[in-house]
C-alpha atoms as a PDB file:
ATOM      1  CA  UNK A   1     -23.182  10.036  30.455  1.00  0.00           C
ATOM      2  CA  UNK A   2     -25.735   7.602  29.005  1.00  0.00           C
ATOM      3  CA  UNK A   3     -24.746   4.907  26.582  1.00  0.00           C
ATOM      4  CA  UNK A   4     -27.003   4.133  23.643  1.00  0.00           C
ATOM      5  CA  UNK A   5     -27.828   0.563  22.872  1.00  0.00           C
ATOM      6  CA  UNK A   6     -26.317  -0.837  19.671  1.00  0.00           C
ATOM      7  CA  UNK A   7     -28.805  -2.280  17.213  1.00  0.00           C
ATOM      8  CA  UNK A   8     -27.941  -4.565  14.294  1.00  0.00           C
ATOM      9  CA  UNK A   9     -29.724  -3.534  11.129  1.00  0.00           C
ATOM     10  CA  UNK A  10     -30.332  -6.291   8.605  1.00  0.00           C
ATOM     11  CA  UNK A  11     -32.697  -7.151   5.821  1.00  0.00           C
ATOM     12  CA  UNK A  12     -35.732  -9.392   6.403  1.00  0.00           C
ATOM     13  CA  UNK A  13     -34.108 -12.060   4.233  1.00  0.00           C
ATOM     14  CA  UNK A  14     -31.073 -12.124   6.524  1.00  0.00           C
ATOM     15  CA  UNK A  15     -33.317 -12.516   9.558  1.00  0.00           C
ATOM     16  CA  UNK A  16     -35.115 -15.402   7.855  1.00  0.00           C
ATOM     17  CA  UNK A  17     -31.829 -17.069   6.963  1.00  0.00           C
ATOM     18  CA  UNK A  18     -30.589 -16.766  10.547  1.00  0.00           C
ATOM     19  CA  UNK A  19     -33.888 -18.081  11.893  1.00  0.00           C
ATOM     20  CA  UNK A  20     -33.809 -20.987   9.455  1.00  0.00           C
ATOM     21  CA  UNK A  21     -30.304 -21.847  10.657  1.00  0.00           C
ATOM     22  CA  UNK A  22     -31.543 -22.142  14.250  1.00  0.00           C
ATOM     23  CA  UNK A  23     -34.481 -24.356  13.315  1.00  0.00           C
ATOM     24  CA  UNK A  24     -34.386 -27.816  14.830  1.00  0.00           C
ATOM     25  CA  UNK A  25     -35.803 -29.625  11.821  1.00  0.00           C
ATOM     26  CA  UNK A  26     -34.257 -29.818   8.361  1.00  0.00           C
ATOM     27  CA  UNK A  27     -35.461 -27.520   5.616  1.00  0.00           C
ATOM     28  CA  UNK A  28     -36.481 -29.487   2.515  1.00  0.00           C
ATOM     29  CA  UNK A  29     -36.639 -28.495  -1.105  1.00  0.00           C
ATOM     30  CA  UNK A  30     -40.252 -28.750  -2.307  1.00  0.00           C
ATOM     31  CA  UNK A  31     -40.892 -31.667  -4.647  1.00  0.00           C
ATOM     32  CA  UNK A  32     -42.701 -31.329  -7.959  1.00  0.00           C
ATOM     33  CA  UNK A  33     -45.562 -33.534  -9.048  1.00  0.00           C
ATOM     34  CA  UNK A  34     -44.339 -36.328 -11.351  1.00  0.00           C
ATOM     35  CA  UNK A  35     -46.027 -34.701 -14.379  1.00  0.00           C
ATOM     36  CA  UNK A  36     -44.499 -31.299 -13.590  1.00  0.00           C
ATOM     37  CA  UNK A  37     -41.104 -32.874 -12.947  1.00  0.00           C
ATOM     38  CA  UNK A  38     -41.226 -34.636 -16.324  1.00  0.00           C
ATOM     39  CA  UNK A  39     -42.179 -31.394 -18.091  1.00  0.00           C
ATOM     40  CA  UNK A  40     -39.381 -29.506 -16.301  1.00  0.00           C
ATOM     41  CA  UNK A  41     -36.854 -32.153 -17.336  1.00  0.00           C
ATOM     42  CA  UNK A  42     -38.099 -32.063 -20.931  1.00  0.00           C
ATOM     43  CA  UNK A  43     -37.837 -28.250 -21.008  1.00  0.00           C
ATOM     44  CA  UNK A  44     -34.364 -28.392 -19.482  1.00  0.00           C
ATOM     45  CA  UNK A  45     -33.170 -30.830 -22.109  1.00  0.00           C
ATOM     46  CA  UNK A  46     -34.777 -28.857 -24.939  1.00  0.00           C
ATOM     47  CA  UNK A  47     -33.268 -25.556 -23.773  1.00  0.00           C
ATOM     48  CA  UNK A  48     -29.809 -26.892 -22.935  1.00  0.00           C
ATOM     49  CA  UNK A  49     -28.615 -27.126 -26.543  1.00  0.00           C
ATOM     50  CA  UNK A  50     -29.714 -23.627 -27.604  1.00  0.00           C
ATOM     51  CA  UNK A  51     -28.331 -22.246 -24.335  1.00  0.00           C
ATOM     52  CA  UNK A  52     -24.935 -23.800 -25.000  1.00  0.00           C
ATOM     53  CA  UNK A  53     -25.005 -22.358 -28.518  1.00  0.00           C
ATOM     54  CA  UNK A  54     -25.685 -18.865 -27.124  1.00  0.00           C
ATOM     55  CA  UNK A  55     -22.857 -19.329 -24.617  1.00  0.00           C
ATOM     56  CA  UNK A  56     -20.485 -20.454 -27.375  1.00  0.00           C
ATOM     57  CA  UNK A  57     -21.419 -17.410 -29.450  1.00  0.00           C
ATOM     58  CA  UNK A  58     -20.745 -15.153 -26.463  1.00  0.00           C
ATOM     59  CA  UNK A  59     -17.308 -16.687 -25.896  1.00  0.00           C
ATOM     60  CA  UNK A  60     -16.649 -16.523 -29.631  1.00  0.00           C
ATOM     61  CA  UNK A  61     -17.423 -12.817 -29.648  1.00  0.00           C
ATOM     62  CA  UNK A  62     -15.253 -12.067 -26.639  1.00  0.00           C
ATOM     63  CA  UNK A  63     -12.344 -14.213 -27.815  1.00  0.00           C
ATOM     64  CA  UNK A  64     -12.553 -12.901 -31.387  1.00  0.00           C
ATOM     65  CA  UNK A  65     -11.789  -9.332 -30.335  1.00  0.00           C
ATOM     66  CA  UNK A  66      -8.136  -9.995 -29.357  1.00  0.00           C
ATOM     67  CA  UNK A  67      -7.751 -12.035 -32.537  1.00  0.00           C
ATOM     68  CA  UNK A  68      -9.153  -9.119 -34.533  1.00  0.00           C
ATOM     69  CA  UNK A  69      -6.671  -6.761 -32.896  1.00  0.00           C
ATOM     70  CA  UNK A  70      -3.801  -9.160 -33.587  1.00  0.00           C
ATOM     71  CA  UNK A  71      -4.760  -9.511 -37.265  1.00  0.00           C
ATOM     72  CA  UNK A  72      -5.308  -5.782 -37.826  1.00  0.00           C
ATOM     73  CA  UNK A  73      -2.921  -3.842 -35.572  1.00  0.00           C
ATOM     74  CA  UNK A  74      -3.660  -0.698 -37.576  1.00  0.00           C
ATOM     75  CA  UNK A  75      -6.957  -0.458 -35.643  1.00  0.00           C
ATOM     76  CA  UNK A  76      -4.832   0.915 -32.811  1.00  0.00           C
ATOM     77  CA  UNK A  77      -3.659   3.770 -35.003  1.00  0.00           C
ATOM     78  CA  UNK A  78      -7.120   4.571 -36.367  1.00  0.00           C
ATOM     79  CA  UNK A  79      -8.848   7.114 -34.146  1.00  0.00           C
ATOM     80  CA  UNK A  80     -12.449   8.244 -33.795  1.00  0.00           C
ATOM     81  CA  UNK A  81     -12.935  11.431 -31.747  1.00  0.00           C
ATOM     82  CA  UNK A  82      -9.368  11.019 -30.483  1.00  0.00           C
ATOM     83  CA  UNK A  83      -9.991   7.502 -29.134  1.00  0.00           C
ATOM     84  CA  UNK A  84      -8.373   4.446 -30.765  1.00  0.00           C
ATOM     85  CA  UNK A  85     -10.948   2.323 -32.617  1.00  0.00           C
ATOM     86  CA  UNK A  86      -9.613  -0.800 -30.893  1.00  0.00           C
ATOM     87  CA  UNK A  87     -10.513   0.687 -27.511  1.00  0.00           C
ATOM     88  CA  UNK A  88     -13.964   1.618 -28.741  1.00  0.00           C
ATOM     89  CA  UNK A  89     -14.521  -1.893 -30.066  1.00  0.00           C
ATOM     90  CA  UNK A  90     -13.365  -3.391 -26.790  1.00  0.00           C
ATOM     91  CA  UNK A  91     -15.371  -1.023 -24.567  1.00  0.00           C
ATOM     92  CA  UNK A  92     -18.561  -0.583 -26.595  1.00  0.00           C
ATOM     93  CA  UNK A  93     -19.148  -3.557 -28.906  1.00  0.00           C
ATOM     94  CA  UNK A  94     -19.534  -6.419 -26.364  1.00  0.00           C
ATOM     95  CA  UNK A  95     -22.406  -4.897 -24.372  1.00  0.00           C
ATOM     96  CA  UNK A  96     -24.970  -4.366 -27.137  1.00  0.00           C
ATOM     97  CA  UNK A  97     -23.925  -7.711 -28.605  1.00  0.00           C
ATOM     98  CA  UNK A  98     -24.522  -9.427 -25.249  1.00  0.00           C
ATOM     99  CA  UNK A  99     -27.927  -7.745 -24.897  1.00  0.00           C
ATOM    100  CA  UNK A 100     -28.949  -8.892 -28.383  1.00  0.00           C
ATOM    101  CA  UNK A 101     -27.662 -12.397 -27.726  1.00  0.00           C
ATOM    102  CA  UNK A 102     -29.518 -12.588 -24.401  1.00  0.00           C
ATOM    103  CA  UNK A 103     -32.728 -11.338 -26.000  1.00  0.00           C
ATOM    104  CA  UNK A 104     -32.397 -13.873 -28.828  1.00  0.00           C
ATOM    105  CA  UNK A 105     -31.805 -16.688 -26.323  1.00  0.00           C
ATOM    106  CA  UNK A 106     -34.739 -15.597 -24.154  1.00  0.00           C
ATOM    107  CA  UNK A 107     -37.103 -15.597 -27.129  1.00  0.00           C
ATOM    108  CA  UNK A 108     -35.917 -19.060 -28.165  1.00  0.00           C
ATOM    109  CA  UNK A 109     -36.379 -20.384 -24.613  1.00  0.00           C
ATOM    110  CA  UNK A 110     -39.883 -18.899 -24.396  1.00  0.00           C
ATOM    111  CA  UNK A 111     -40.767 -20.413 -27.772  1.00  0.00           C
ATOM    112  CA  UNK A 112     -39.690 -23.832 -26.464  1.00  0.00           C
ATOM    113  CA  UNK A 113     -41.775 -23.364 -23.290  1.00  0.00           C
ATOM    114  CA  UNK A 114     -44.849 -22.360 -25.315  1.00  0.00           C
ATOM    115  CA  UNK A 115     -44.801 -25.588 -27.309  1.00  0.00           C
END
């Protein structure tokens, strides 16, 4: 009876990570030129405020749904195709809203970068 040799299958990225871990010298993060670093910092600062606003709107949307259900409990009794409207709002509404919010934020960030 012959025994087959076991082979570990892994992605190329995993092999690179393992090889990097065995390296004798330290791996360093590449440094930007001073002009590029200043531009990156300026872009970061300019995009931080609008990004926080988008994040606040996202949390506002997600936290407003339970408040909506608490204020209007009759949404549980209202049914559309046999499914309570509250369930539909909870299962369907956040995803398109998040996509629209992400798209809006991406356009604003690109507009800031283009300046």
